[in-house]
């Protein structure tokens, strides 16, 4: 892997971290959304 200038390396690290966080949030949200939908349909 080519050595990146410090700011570029930091930037890519930040992007990777953001992507991981978004993925985590997305998974949690999807799970919660499915539970909420089940709850809503079971009440009717």
PDB file of N, CA and C in Angstrom:
ATOM      1  N   UNK A   1       0.842  -1.196   0.000  1.00  0.00           N
ATOM      2  CA  UNK A   1       0.000   0.000   0.000  1.00  0.00           C
ATOM      3  C   UNK A   1       0.873   1.239   0.000  1.00  0.00           C
ATOM      4  N   UNK A   2       0.568   2.189  -0.836  1.00  0.00           N
ATOM      5  CA  UNK A   2       1.362   3.413  -0.924  1.00  0.00           C
ATOM      6  C   UNK A   2       1.144   4.261   0.320  1.00  0.00           C
ATOM      7  N   UNK A   3       2.208   4.898   0.760  1.00  0.00           N
ATOM      8  CA  UNK A   3       2.111   5.774   1.930  1.00  0.00           C
ATOM      9  C   UNK A   3       1.384   7.052   1.538  1.00  0.00           C
ATOM     10  N   UNK A   4       0.339   7.360   2.250  1.00  0.00           N
ATOM     11  CA  UNK A   4      -0.434   8.569   1.962  1.00  0.00           C
ATOM     12  C   UNK A   4       0.074   9.717   2.822  1.00  0.00           C
ATOM     13  N   UNK A   5      -0.095  10.937   2.343  1.00  0.00           N
ATOM     14  CA  UNK A   5       0.191  12.085   3.205  1.00  0.00           C
ATOM     15  C   UNK A   5      -0.684  11.994   4.452  1.00  0.00           C
ATOM     16  N   UNK A   6      -0.200  12.459   5.594  1.00  0.00           N
ATOM     17  CA  UNK A   6      -0.937  12.307   6.858  1.00  0.00           C
ATOM     18  C   UNK A   6      -2.400  12.728   6.778  1.00  0.00           C
ATOM     19  N   UNK A   7      -2.671  13.866   6.122  1.00  0.00           N
ATOM     20  CA  UNK A   7      -4.057  14.332   6.077  1.00  0.00           C
ATOM     21  C   UNK A   7      -4.936  13.386   5.251  1.00  0.00           C
ATOM     22  N   UNK A   8      -4.385  12.840   4.176  1.00  0.00           N
ATOM     23  CA  UNK A   8      -5.177  11.913   3.358  1.00  0.00           C
ATOM     24  C   UNK A   8      -5.424  10.608   4.103  1.00  0.00           C
ATOM     25  N   UNK A   9      -4.404  10.125   4.813  1.00  0.00           N
ATOM     26  CA  UNK A   9      -4.569   8.901   5.592  1.00  0.00           C
ATOM     27  C   UNK A   9      -5.630   9.119   6.665  1.00  0.00           C
ATOM     28  N   UNK A  10      -5.583  10.270   7.308  1.00  0.00           N
ATOM     29  CA  UNK A  10      -6.549  10.607   8.347  1.00  0.00           C
ATOM     30  C   UNK A  10      -7.946  10.668   7.747  1.00  0.00           C
ATOM     31  N   UNK A  11      -8.030  11.259   6.566  1.00  0.00           N
ATOM     32  CA  UNK A  11      -9.314  11.407   5.880  1.00  0.00           C
ATOM     33  C   UNK A  11      -9.930  10.040   5.576  1.00  0.00           C
ATOM     34  N   UNK A  12      -9.113   9.120   5.032  1.00  0.00           N
ATOM     35  CA  UNK A  12      -9.630   7.794   4.693  1.00  0.00           C
ATOM     36  C   UNK A  12     -10.011   7.030   5.954  1.00  0.00           C
ATOM     37  N   UNK A  13      -9.251   7.248   7.039  1.00  0.00           N
ATOM     38  CA  UNK A  13      -9.582   6.597   8.304  1.00  0.00           C
ATOM     39  C   UNK A  13     -10.939   7.086   8.795  1.00  0.00           C
ATOM     40  N   UNK A  14     -11.137   8.396   8.666  1.00  0.00           N
ATOM     41  CA  UNK A  14     -12.391   9.005   9.111  1.00  0.00           C
ATOM     42  C   UNK A  14     -13.560   8.441   8.306  1.00  0.00           C
ATOM     43  N   UNK A  15     -13.360   8.343   6.984  1.00  0.00           N
ATOM     44  CA  UNK A  15     -14.418   7.819   6.111  1.00  0.00           C
ATOM     45  C   UNK A  15     -14.744   6.383   6.494  1.00  0.00           C
ATOM     46  N   UNK A  16     -13.696   5.597   6.741  1.00  0.00           N
ATOM     47  CA  UNK A  16     -13.920   4.196   7.091  1.00  0.00           C
ATOM     48  C   UNK A  16     -14.684   4.100   8.404  1.00  0.00           C
ATOM     49  N   UNK A  17     -14.295   4.930   9.374  1.00  0.00           N
ATOM     50  CA  UNK A  17     -14.962   4.902  10.673  1.00  0.00           C
ATOM     51  C   UNK A  17     -16.425   5.316  10.514  1.00  0.00           C
ATOM     52  N   UNK A  18     -16.671   6.358   9.712  1.00  0.00           N
ATOM     53  CA  UNK A  18     -18.044   6.816   9.487  1.00  0.00           C
ATOM     54  C   UNK A  18     -18.872   5.723   8.828  1.00  0.00           C
ATOM     55  N   UNK A  19     -18.272   5.028   7.871  1.00  0.00           N
ATOM     56  CA  UNK A  19     -18.995   3.964   7.181  1.00  0.00           C
ATOM     57  C   UNK A  19     -19.369   2.858   8.161  1.00  0.00           C
ATOM     58  N   UNK A  20     -18.438   2.498   9.047  1.00  0.00           N
ATOM     59  CA  UNK A  20     -18.725   1.464  10.037  1.00  0.00           C
ATOM     60  C   UNK A  20     -19.840   1.909  10.969  1.00  0.00           C
ATOM     61  N   UNK A  21     -19.774   3.160  11.419  1.00  0.00           N
ATOM     62  CA  UNK A  21     -20.812   3.686  12.313  1.00  0.00           C
ATOM     63  C   UNK A  21     -22.165   3.674  11.611  1.00  0.00           C
ATOM     64  N   UNK A  22     -22.192   4.119  10.356  1.00  0.00           N
ATOM     65  CA  UNK A  22     -23.449   4.150   9.604  1.00  0.00           C
ATOM     66  C   UNK A  22     -24.023   2.748   9.456  1.00  0.00           C
ATOM     67  N   UNK A  23     -23.141   1.778   9.214  1.00  0.00           N
ATOM     68  CA  UNK A  23     -23.587   0.402   9.053  1.00  0.00           C
ATOM     69  C   UNK A  23     -24.204  -0.101  10.349  1.00  0.00           C
ATOM     70  N   UNK A  24     -23.529   0.201  11.475  1.00  0.00           N
ATOM     71  CA  UNK A  24     -24.044  -0.218  12.779  1.00  0.00           C
ATOM     72  C   UNK A  24     -25.413   0.391  13.029  1.00  0.00           C
ATOM     73  N   UNK A  25     -25.494   1.708  12.818  1.00  0.00           N
ATOM     74  CA  UNK A  25     -26.756   2.427  13.055  1.00  0.00           C
ATOM     75  C   UNK A  25     -27.848   1.870  12.153  1.00  0.00           C
ATOM     76  N   UNK A  26     -27.486   1.602  10.893  1.00  0.00           N
ATOM     77  CA  UNK A  26     -28.458   1.088   9.932  1.00  0.00           C
ATOM     78  C   UNK A  26     -28.997  -0.267  10.382  1.00  0.00           C
ATOM     79  N   UNK A  27     -28.086  -1.149  10.837  1.00  0.00           N
ATOM     80  CA  UNK A  27     -28.519  -2.475  11.285  1.00  0.00           C
ATOM     81  C   UNK A  27     -29.453  -2.362  12.474  1.00  0.00           C
ATOM     82  N   UNK A  28     -29.069  -1.534  13.448  1.00  0.00           N
ATOM     83  CA  UNK A  28     -29.894  -1.363  14.649  1.00  0.00           C
ATOM     84  C   UNK A  28     -31.248  -0.792  14.270  1.00  0.00           C
ATOM     85  N   UNK A  29     -31.230   0.220  13.410  1.00  0.00           N
ATOM     86  CA  UNK A  29     -32.475   0.868  13.015  1.00  0.00           C
ATOM     87  C   UNK A  29     -33.384  -0.111  12.280  1.00  0.00           C
ATOM     88  N   UNK A  30     -32.779  -0.929  11.406  1.00  0.00           N
ATOM     89  CA  UNK A  30     -33.577  -1.875  10.630  1.00  0.00           C
ATOM     90  C   UNK A  30     -34.228  -2.887  11.574  1.00  0.00           C
ATOM     91  N   UNK A  31     -33.450  -3.355  12.571  1.00  0.00           N
ATOM     92  CA  UNK A  31     -33.980  -4.328  13.518  1.00  0.00           C
ATOM     93  C   UNK A  31     -35.121  -3.697  14.313  1.00  0.00           C
ATOM     94  N   UNK A  32     -34.890  -2.477  14.810  1.00  0.00           N
ATOM     95  CA  UNK A  32     -35.921  -1.784  15.582  1.00  0.00           C
ATOM     96  C   UNK A  32     -37.146  -1.516  14.729  1.00  0.00           C
ATOM     97  N   UNK A  33     -36.931  -1.140  13.476  1.00  0.00           N
ATOM     98  CA  UNK A  33     -38.040  -0.860  12.578  1.00  0.00           C
ATOM     99  C   UNK A  33     -38.893  -2.101  12.358  1.00  0.00           C
ATOM    100  N   UNK A  34     -38.232  -3.257  12.205  1.00  0.00           N
ATOM    101  CA  UNK A  34     -38.964  -4.496  11.983  1.00  0.00           C
ATOM    102  C   UNK A  34     -39.780  -4.837  13.227  1.00  0.00           C
ATOM    103  N   UNK A  35     -39.184  -4.658  14.406  1.00  0.00           N
ATOM    104  CA  UNK A  35     -39.896  -4.934  15.650  1.00  0.00           C
ATOM    105  C   UNK A  35     -41.095  -4.013  15.787  1.00  0.00           C
ATOM    106  N   UNK A  36     -40.900  -2.738  15.475  1.00  0.00           N
ATOM    107  CA  UNK A  36     -41.989  -1.764  15.584  1.00  0.00           C
ATOM    108  C   UNK A  36     -43.116  -2.125  14.623  1.00  0.00           C
ATOM    109  N   UNK A  37     -42.751  -2.569  13.419  1.00  0.00           N
ATOM    110  CA  UNK A  37     -43.764  -2.942  12.437  1.00  0.00           C
ATOM    111  C   UNK A  37     -44.544  -4.166  12.916  1.00  0.00           C
ATOM    112  N   UNK A  38     -43.840  -5.150  13.476  1.00  0.00           N
ATOM    113  CA  UNK A  38     -44.511  -6.345  13.993  1.00  0.00           C
ATOM    114  C   UNK A  38     -45.475  -5.960  15.100  1.00  0.00           C
ATOM    115  N   UNK A  39     -45.006  -5.090  15.994  1.00  0.00           N
ATOM    116  CA  UNK A  39     -45.825  -4.666  17.121  1.00  0.00           C
ATOM    117  C   UNK A  39     -47.087  -3.973  16.605  1.00  0.00           C
ATOM    118  N   UNK A  40     -46.902  -3.099  15.611  1.00  0.00           N
ATOM    119  CA  UNK A  40     -48.032  -2.344  15.064  1.00  0.00           C
ATOM    120  C   UNK A  40     -49.042  -3.289  14.409  1.00  0.00           C
ATOM    121  N   UNK A  41     -48.548  -4.278  13.671  1.00  0.00           N
ATOM    122  CA  UNK A  41     -49.469  -5.177  12.970  1.00  0.00           C
ATOM    123  C   UNK A  41     -50.159  -6.115  13.953  1.00  0.00           C
ATOM    124  N   UNK A  42     -49.480  -6.510  15.028  1.00  0.00           N
ATOM    125  CA  UNK A  42     -50.099  -7.432  15.982  1.00  0.00           C
ATOM    126  C   UNK A  42     -51.191  -6.741  16.791  1.00  0.00           C
ATOM    127  N   UNK A  43     -51.078  -5.424  16.950  1.00  0.00           N
ATOM    128  CA  UNK A  43     -52.097  -4.685  17.699  1.00  0.00           C
ATOM    129  C   UNK A  43     -53.396  -4.599  16.914  1.00  0.00           C
ATOM    130  N   UNK A  44     -53.296  -4.526  15.599  1.00  0.00           N
ATOM    131  CA  UNK A  44     -54.510  -4.347  14.791  1.00  0.00           C
ATOM    132  C   UNK A  44     -55.332  -5.626  14.720  1.00  0.00           C
TER     133      UNK A  44
END
